[in-house]
Amino acid sequence: MKDTNPYWQAPLDWKFPELRFNGNSLSDVIDFLRDVAGSRPTGAVATGASTGIVVDWKALDAAGIKRTAPITLRIRDIPLREAIQLVIFSASDGKAIASLSLDDEYRDIEIKVEPVPKNP
């Protein structure tokens, strides 16, 4: 994470009671998570600010992750941060992990990818 400000950590810590995806495309899953994240206010309730999700599709494509990659997951009691990481890991067939950063200006969660670290 680029920013450890608790104001921005809150959206990443939102917990979902359950998420179920059964062969949904990566882009549909991200759209769903974006809709849910965007509908929850951040710490700036007075301004009506909300959090969005921005995907670096070029970076995902370069990592071999397609928008149409099927996602099949059933997870419970999981924060948004972990849900995004599991979705990207699943879409990459275990070859990449999500790199999440927080954009102060636009109040967005940005998703990029990194290769899975190799054991020494």
N, C-alpha and C. Protein backbone atom coordinates (compact mmCIF):
# COMPACT_ATOMS: atom_id res chain seq x y z
N MET A 1 0.83 -1.18 0.00
CA MET A 1 0.00 0.00 0.00
C MET A 1 0.87 1.24 0.00
N LYS A 2 0.52 2.18 -0.79
CA LYS A 2 1.25 3.44 -0.79
C LYS A 2 0.90 4.27 0.42
N ASP A 3 -0.33 4.22 0.85
CA ASP A 3 -0.83 5.10 1.89
C ASP A 3 -1.32 4.29 3.07
N THR A 4 -0.82 4.59 4.25
CA THR A 4 -1.26 3.86 5.43
C THR A 4 -2.22 4.70 6.26
N ASN A 5 -2.71 5.78 5.71
CA ASN A 5 -3.68 6.63 6.38
C ASN A 5 -4.93 5.82 6.71
N PRO A 6 -5.35 5.77 7.99
CA PRO A 6 -6.53 4.98 8.36
C PRO A 6 -7.79 5.37 7.59
N TYR A 7 -7.87 6.66 7.18
CA TYR A 7 -9.01 7.12 6.38
C TYR A 7 -9.16 6.28 5.13
N TRP A 8 -8.02 5.93 4.49
CA TRP A 8 -8.06 5.17 3.26
C TRP A 8 -8.06 3.68 3.50
N GLN A 9 -7.60 3.24 4.65
CA GLN A 9 -7.59 1.81 4.93
C GLN A 9 -9.02 1.30 5.15
N ALA A 10 -9.90 2.15 5.64
CA ALA A 10 -11.26 1.73 5.97
C ALA A 10 -11.98 1.04 4.80
N PRO A 11 -11.99 1.61 3.59
CA PRO A 11 -12.69 0.93 2.49
C PRO A 11 -12.10 -0.45 2.20
N LEU A 12 -10.80 -0.59 2.32
CA LEU A 12 -10.17 -1.88 2.05
C LEU A 12 -10.50 -2.90 3.13
N ASP A 13 -10.92 -2.43 4.29
CA ASP A 13 -11.24 -3.33 5.39
C ASP A 13 -12.73 -3.68 5.47
N TRP A 14 -13.57 -3.12 4.57
CA TRP A 14 -14.99 -3.48 4.59
C TRP A 14 -15.11 -4.98 4.42
N LYS A 15 -15.93 -5.58 5.25
CA LYS A 15 -16.08 -7.03 5.17
C LYS A 15 -17.37 -7.40 4.45
N PHE A 16 -17.23 -8.41 3.60
CA PHE A 16 -18.39 -8.98 2.92
C PHE A 16 -18.79 -10.24 3.68
N PRO A 17 -20.06 -10.39 4.02
CA PRO A 17 -20.48 -11.63 4.69
C PRO A 17 -20.23 -12.85 3.79
N GLU A 18 -20.47 -12.66 2.49
CA GLU A 18 -20.23 -13.76 1.54
C GLU A 18 -20.14 -13.19 0.13
N LEU A 19 -19.24 -13.76 -0.64
CA LEU A 19 -19.12 -13.45 -2.06
C LEU A 19 -19.14 -14.77 -2.81
N ARG A 20 -19.97 -14.84 -3.85
CA ARG A 20 -20.03 -16.05 -4.68
C ARG A 20 -19.94 -15.66 -6.14
N PHE A 21 -18.95 -16.23 -6.80
CA PHE A 21 -18.80 -16.04 -8.23
C PHE A 21 -18.67 -17.43 -8.84
N ASN A 22 -19.44 -17.68 -9.88
CA ASN A 22 -19.44 -19.00 -10.50
C ASN A 22 -19.19 -18.85 -12.00
N GLY A 23 -17.90 -18.73 -12.36
CA GLY A 23 -17.55 -18.59 -13.75
C GLY A 23 -17.78 -17.20 -14.32
N ASN A 24 -17.99 -16.21 -13.44
CA ASN A 24 -18.18 -14.84 -13.90
C ASN A 24 -16.87 -14.30 -14.47
N SER A 25 -16.96 -13.45 -15.47
CA SER A 25 -15.74 -12.87 -16.05
C SER A 25 -15.09 -11.93 -15.04
N LEU A 26 -13.78 -11.79 -15.16
CA LEU A 26 -13.04 -10.88 -14.29
C LEU A 26 -13.64 -9.49 -14.34
N SER A 27 -13.95 -9.01 -15.53
CA SER A 27 -14.49 -7.65 -15.64
C SER A 27 -15.84 -7.51 -14.92
N ASP A 28 -16.68 -8.55 -14.98
CA ASP A 28 -17.96 -8.51 -14.26
C ASP A 28 -17.75 -8.54 -12.74
N VAL A 29 -16.79 -9.31 -12.29
CA VAL A 29 -16.50 -9.38 -10.86
C VAL A 29 -15.98 -8.03 -10.37
N ILE A 30 -15.07 -7.43 -11.13
CA ILE A 30 -14.55 -6.11 -10.75
C ILE A 30 -15.68 -5.08 -10.75
N ASP A 31 -16.56 -5.13 -11.76
CA ASP A 31 -17.70 -4.21 -11.79
C ASP A 31 -18.57 -4.37 -10.56
N PHE A 32 -18.80 -5.61 -10.15
CA PHE A 32 -19.60 -5.87 -8.94
C PHE A 32 -18.91 -5.26 -7.71
N LEU A 33 -17.62 -5.54 -7.55
CA LEU A 33 -16.89 -5.00 -6.40
C LEU A 33 -16.85 -3.48 -6.45
N ARG A 34 -16.72 -2.92 -7.65
CA ARG A 34 -16.74 -1.46 -7.82
C ARG A 34 -18.08 -0.89 -7.39
N ASP A 35 -19.17 -1.54 -7.81
CA ASP A 35 -20.51 -1.07 -7.43
C ASP A 35 -20.68 -1.09 -5.91
N VAL A 36 -20.24 -2.16 -5.30
CA VAL A 36 -20.40 -2.29 -3.85
C VAL A 36 -19.50 -1.28 -3.13
N ALA A 37 -18.25 -1.15 -3.56
CA ALA A 37 -17.32 -0.20 -2.92
C ALA A 37 -17.79 1.23 -3.13
N GLY A 38 -18.32 1.53 -4.32
CA GLY A 38 -18.79 2.87 -4.62
C GLY A 38 -20.04 3.26 -3.88
N SER A 39 -20.77 2.26 -3.39
CA SER A 39 -22.02 2.56 -2.69
C SER A 39 -21.80 2.75 -1.20
N ARG A 40 -20.58 2.50 -0.73
CA ARG A 40 -20.29 2.66 0.69
C ARG A 40 -19.49 3.94 0.89
N PRO A 41 -19.96 4.81 1.76
CA PRO A 41 -19.21 6.05 1.98
C PRO A 41 -17.90 5.78 2.70
N THR A 42 -16.89 6.60 2.40
CA THR A 42 -15.62 6.52 3.12
C THR A 42 -15.76 7.31 4.40
N GLY A 43 -14.66 7.59 5.04
CA GLY A 43 -14.68 8.34 6.29
C GLY A 43 -15.21 9.76 6.12
N ALA A 44 -15.25 10.27 4.90
CA ALA A 44 -15.72 11.64 4.66
C ALA A 44 -17.21 11.64 4.38
N VAL A 45 -17.98 11.20 5.36
CA VAL A 45 -19.42 11.08 5.18
C VAL A 45 -20.05 12.43 4.86
N ALA A 46 -19.54 13.47 5.46
CA ALA A 46 -20.13 14.80 5.26
C ALA A 46 -20.06 15.25 3.81
N THR A 47 -19.02 14.82 3.09
CA THR A 47 -18.88 15.26 1.71
C THR A 47 -19.57 14.30 0.74
N GLY A 48 -20.03 13.18 1.26
CA GLY A 48 -20.67 12.20 0.38
C GLY A 48 -19.66 11.45 -0.47
N ALA A 49 -18.39 11.48 -0.07
CA ALA A 49 -17.34 10.81 -0.85
C ALA A 49 -17.54 9.31 -0.83
N SER A 50 -17.19 8.68 -1.92
CA SER A 50 -17.24 7.23 -1.97
C SER A 50 -15.98 6.72 -2.63
N THR A 51 -15.77 5.43 -2.51
CA THR A 51 -14.55 4.82 -3.03
C THR A 51 -14.86 4.05 -4.29
N GLY A 52 -14.02 4.21 -5.31
CA GLY A 52 -14.16 3.46 -6.54
C GLY A 52 -13.00 2.50 -6.70
N ILE A 53 -13.07 1.68 -7.72
CA ILE A 53 -11.99 0.74 -8.03
C ILE A 53 -11.56 1.00 -9.46
N VAL A 54 -10.26 1.24 -9.64
CA VAL A 54 -9.70 1.50 -10.95
C VAL A 54 -8.73 0.38 -11.27
N VAL A 55 -8.89 -0.23 -12.43
CA VAL A 55 -8.04 -1.35 -12.83
C VAL A 55 -7.07 -0.90 -13.92
N ASP A 56 -5.82 -1.26 -13.75
CA ASP A 56 -4.81 -1.00 -14.79
C ASP A 56 -4.88 -2.20 -15.74
N TRP A 57 -5.84 -2.15 -16.68
CA TRP A 57 -6.08 -3.27 -17.59
C TRP A 57 -4.86 -3.57 -18.46
N LYS A 58 -4.08 -2.55 -18.79
CA LYS A 58 -2.87 -2.79 -19.59
C LYS A 58 -1.88 -3.64 -18.82
N ALA A 59 -1.72 -3.35 -17.54
CA ALA A 59 -0.80 -4.15 -16.71
C ALA A 59 -1.31 -5.57 -16.56
N LEU A 60 -2.62 -5.73 -16.38
CA LEU A 60 -3.18 -7.07 -16.26
C LEU A 60 -3.00 -7.83 -17.56
N ASP A 61 -3.25 -7.17 -18.68
CA ASP A 61 -3.10 -7.82 -19.98
C ASP A 61 -1.64 -8.23 -20.21
N ALA A 62 -0.71 -7.36 -19.83
CA ALA A 62 0.72 -7.67 -19.97
C ALA A 62 1.12 -8.87 -19.11
N ALA A 63 0.39 -9.07 -18.00
CA ALA A 63 0.66 -10.21 -17.12
C ALA A 63 -0.10 -11.46 -17.58
N GLY A 64 -0.80 -11.35 -18.72
CA GLY A 64 -1.52 -12.50 -19.25
C GLY A 64 -2.89 -12.70 -18.64
N ILE A 65 -3.41 -11.68 -17.98
CA ILE A 65 -4.72 -11.78 -17.34
C ILE A 65 -5.74 -11.09 -18.23
N LYS A 66 -6.70 -11.85 -18.69
CA LYS A 66 -7.73 -11.33 -19.60
C LYS A 66 -8.96 -10.87 -18.84
N ARG A 67 -9.63 -9.88 -19.38
CA ARG A 67 -10.89 -9.39 -18.78
C ARG A 67 -11.94 -10.50 -18.73
N THR A 68 -11.82 -11.45 -19.64
CA THR A 68 -12.81 -12.52 -19.73
C THR A 68 -12.45 -13.73 -18.87
N ALA A 69 -11.34 -13.66 -18.13
CA ALA A 69 -10.92 -14.80 -17.29
C ALA A 69 -12.06 -15.18 -16.35
N PRO A 70 -12.44 -16.46 -16.32
CA PRO A 70 -13.55 -16.87 -15.45
C PRO A 70 -13.11 -16.92 -13.98
N ILE A 71 -13.96 -16.39 -13.13
CA ILE A 71 -13.70 -16.37 -11.69
C ILE A 71 -14.75 -17.24 -11.00
N THR A 72 -14.27 -18.24 -10.29
CA THR A 72 -15.16 -19.08 -9.49
C THR A 72 -14.61 -19.08 -8.07
N LEU A 73 -15.30 -18.40 -7.19
CA LEU A 73 -14.90 -18.28 -5.78
C LEU A 73 -16.13 -18.26 -4.91
N ARG A 74 -16.01 -18.84 -3.75
CA ARG A 74 -17.04 -18.69 -2.71
C ARG A 74 -16.28 -18.43 -1.42
N ILE A 75 -16.38 -17.21 -0.94
CA ILE A 75 -15.63 -16.80 0.23
C ILE A 75 -16.55 -16.09 1.22
N ARG A 76 -16.24 -16.25 2.49
CA ARG A 76 -17.07 -15.65 3.54
C ARG A 76 -16.24 -14.78 4.47
N ASP A 77 -16.91 -13.76 5.00
CA ASP A 77 -16.32 -12.89 6.01
C ASP A 77 -14.93 -12.42 5.60
N ILE A 78 -14.89 -11.74 4.48
CA ILE A 78 -13.61 -11.33 3.90
C ILE A 78 -13.62 -9.84 3.61
N PRO A 79 -12.51 -9.14 3.94
CA PRO A 79 -12.44 -7.72 3.61
C PRO A 79 -12.23 -7.51 2.11
N LEU A 80 -12.60 -6.33 1.65
CA LEU A 80 -12.47 -5.99 0.23
C LEU A 80 -11.04 -6.21 -0.26
N ARG A 81 -10.06 -5.82 0.52
CA ARG A 81 -8.65 -5.99 0.15
C ARG A 81 -8.35 -7.44 -0.22
N GLU A 82 -8.76 -8.37 0.63
CA GLU A 82 -8.49 -9.79 0.38
C GLU A 82 -9.32 -10.33 -0.77
N ALA A 83 -10.55 -9.83 -0.91
CA ALA A 83 -11.39 -10.27 -2.02
C ALA A 83 -10.74 -9.91 -3.35
N ILE A 84 -10.24 -8.68 -3.48
CA ILE A 84 -9.57 -8.25 -4.71
C ILE A 84 -8.34 -9.11 -4.96
N GLN A 85 -7.56 -9.35 -3.92
CA GLN A 85 -6.35 -10.16 -4.08
C GLN A 85 -6.68 -11.58 -4.54
N LEU A 86 -7.71 -12.18 -3.97
CA LEU A 86 -8.11 -13.54 -4.38
C LEU A 86 -8.64 -13.56 -5.81
N VAL A 87 -9.38 -12.55 -6.19
CA VAL A 87 -9.93 -12.48 -7.55
C VAL A 87 -8.79 -12.40 -8.57
N ILE A 88 -7.81 -11.54 -8.33
CA ILE A 88 -6.68 -11.40 -9.26
C ILE A 88 -5.84 -12.68 -9.28
N PHE A 89 -5.60 -13.26 -8.13
CA PHE A 89 -4.84 -14.51 -8.05
C PHE A 89 -5.55 -15.60 -8.84
N SER A 90 -6.86 -15.68 -8.70
CA SER A 90 -7.66 -16.66 -9.44
C SER A 90 -7.62 -16.40 -10.95
N ALA A 91 -7.76 -15.14 -11.34
CA ALA A 91 -7.77 -14.79 -12.76
C ALA A 91 -6.44 -15.09 -13.43
N SER A 92 -5.36 -15.07 -12.66
CA SER A 92 -4.02 -15.30 -13.21
C SER A 92 -3.59 -16.76 -13.10
N ASP A 93 -4.50 -17.62 -12.66
CA ASP A 93 -4.15 -19.02 -12.42
C ASP A 93 -2.98 -19.14 -11.45
N GLY A 94 -2.97 -18.26 -10.44
CA GLY A 94 -1.96 -18.32 -9.40
C GLY A 94 -0.60 -17.76 -9.77
N LYS A 95 -0.53 -17.02 -10.88
CA LYS A 95 0.76 -16.50 -11.34
C LYS A 95 1.01 -15.04 -10.97
N ALA A 96 -0.02 -14.35 -10.51
CA ALA A 96 0.12 -12.93 -10.18
C ALA A 96 -0.69 -12.59 -8.94
N ILE A 97 -0.25 -11.55 -8.26
CA ILE A 97 -0.98 -11.06 -7.10
C ILE A 97 -1.34 -9.59 -7.34
N ALA A 98 -2.40 -9.17 -6.68
CA ALA A 98 -2.84 -7.78 -6.81
C ALA A 98 -1.93 -6.85 -6.02
N SER A 99 -1.62 -5.75 -6.63
CA SER A 99 -0.90 -4.67 -5.96
C SER A 99 -1.91 -3.54 -5.83
N LEU A 100 -2.31 -3.23 -4.62
CA LEU A 100 -3.34 -2.22 -4.40
C LEU A 100 -2.70 -0.93 -3.93
N SER A 101 -3.16 0.15 -4.49
CA SER A 101 -2.73 1.46 -4.02
C SER A 101 -3.96 2.34 -3.88
N LEU A 102 -3.81 3.38 -3.10
CA LEU A 102 -4.94 4.26 -2.81
C LEU A 102 -4.64 5.65 -3.35
N ASP A 103 -5.57 6.17 -4.11
CA ASP A 103 -5.41 7.48 -4.74
C ASP A 103 -6.09 8.52 -3.86
N ASP A 104 -5.29 9.40 -3.25
CA ASP A 104 -5.83 10.43 -2.36
C ASP A 104 -6.74 11.41 -3.08
N GLU A 105 -6.37 11.78 -4.30
CA GLU A 105 -7.11 12.82 -5.01
C GLU A 105 -8.51 12.35 -5.42
N TYR A 106 -8.59 11.16 -5.97
CA TYR A 106 -9.87 10.68 -6.49
C TYR A 106 -10.57 9.68 -5.59
N ARG A 107 -9.95 9.31 -4.47
CA ARG A 107 -10.53 8.38 -3.50
C ARG A 107 -10.78 7.02 -4.14
N ASP A 108 -9.84 6.57 -4.94
CA ASP A 108 -10.00 5.29 -5.63
C ASP A 108 -8.99 4.27 -5.13
N ILE A 109 -9.38 3.01 -5.25
CA ILE A 109 -8.48 1.89 -5.02
C ILE A 109 -7.98 1.51 -6.41
N GLU A 110 -6.67 1.53 -6.62
CA GLU A 110 -6.10 1.20 -7.92
C GLU A 110 -5.54 -0.21 -7.88
N ILE A 111 -5.87 -1.01 -8.89
CA ILE A 111 -5.40 -2.39 -8.95
C ILE A 111 -4.37 -2.54 -10.05
N LYS A 112 -3.21 -3.04 -9.67
CA LYS A 112 -2.15 -3.41 -10.62
C LYS A 112 -1.76 -4.84 -10.26
N VAL A 113 -0.81 -5.40 -10.96
CA VAL A 113 -0.41 -6.78 -10.66
C VAL A 113 1.10 -6.88 -10.52
N GLU A 114 1.50 -7.89 -9.78
CA GLU A 114 2.91 -8.24 -9.63
C GLU A 114 3.01 -9.75 -9.76
N PRO A 115 4.14 -10.25 -10.23
CA PRO A 115 4.29 -11.70 -10.27
C PRO A 115 4.32 -12.27 -8.86
N VAL A 116 3.89 -13.49 -8.70
CA VAL A 116 3.94 -14.14 -7.40
C VAL A 116 5.42 -14.30 -7.03
N PRO A 117 5.82 -13.89 -5.83
CA PRO A 117 7.22 -14.02 -5.44
C PRO A 117 7.65 -15.49 -5.41
N LYS A 118 8.86 -15.72 -5.87
CA LYS A 118 9.40 -17.08 -5.87
C LYS A 118 10.11 -17.35 -4.56
N ASN A 119 10.00 -18.58 -4.09
CA ASN A 119 10.70 -18.96 -2.86
C ASN A 119 12.19 -19.05 -3.15
N PRO A 120 13.02 -18.52 -2.21
CA PRO A 120 14.46 -18.56 -2.42
C PRO A 120 15.02 -19.98 -2.33
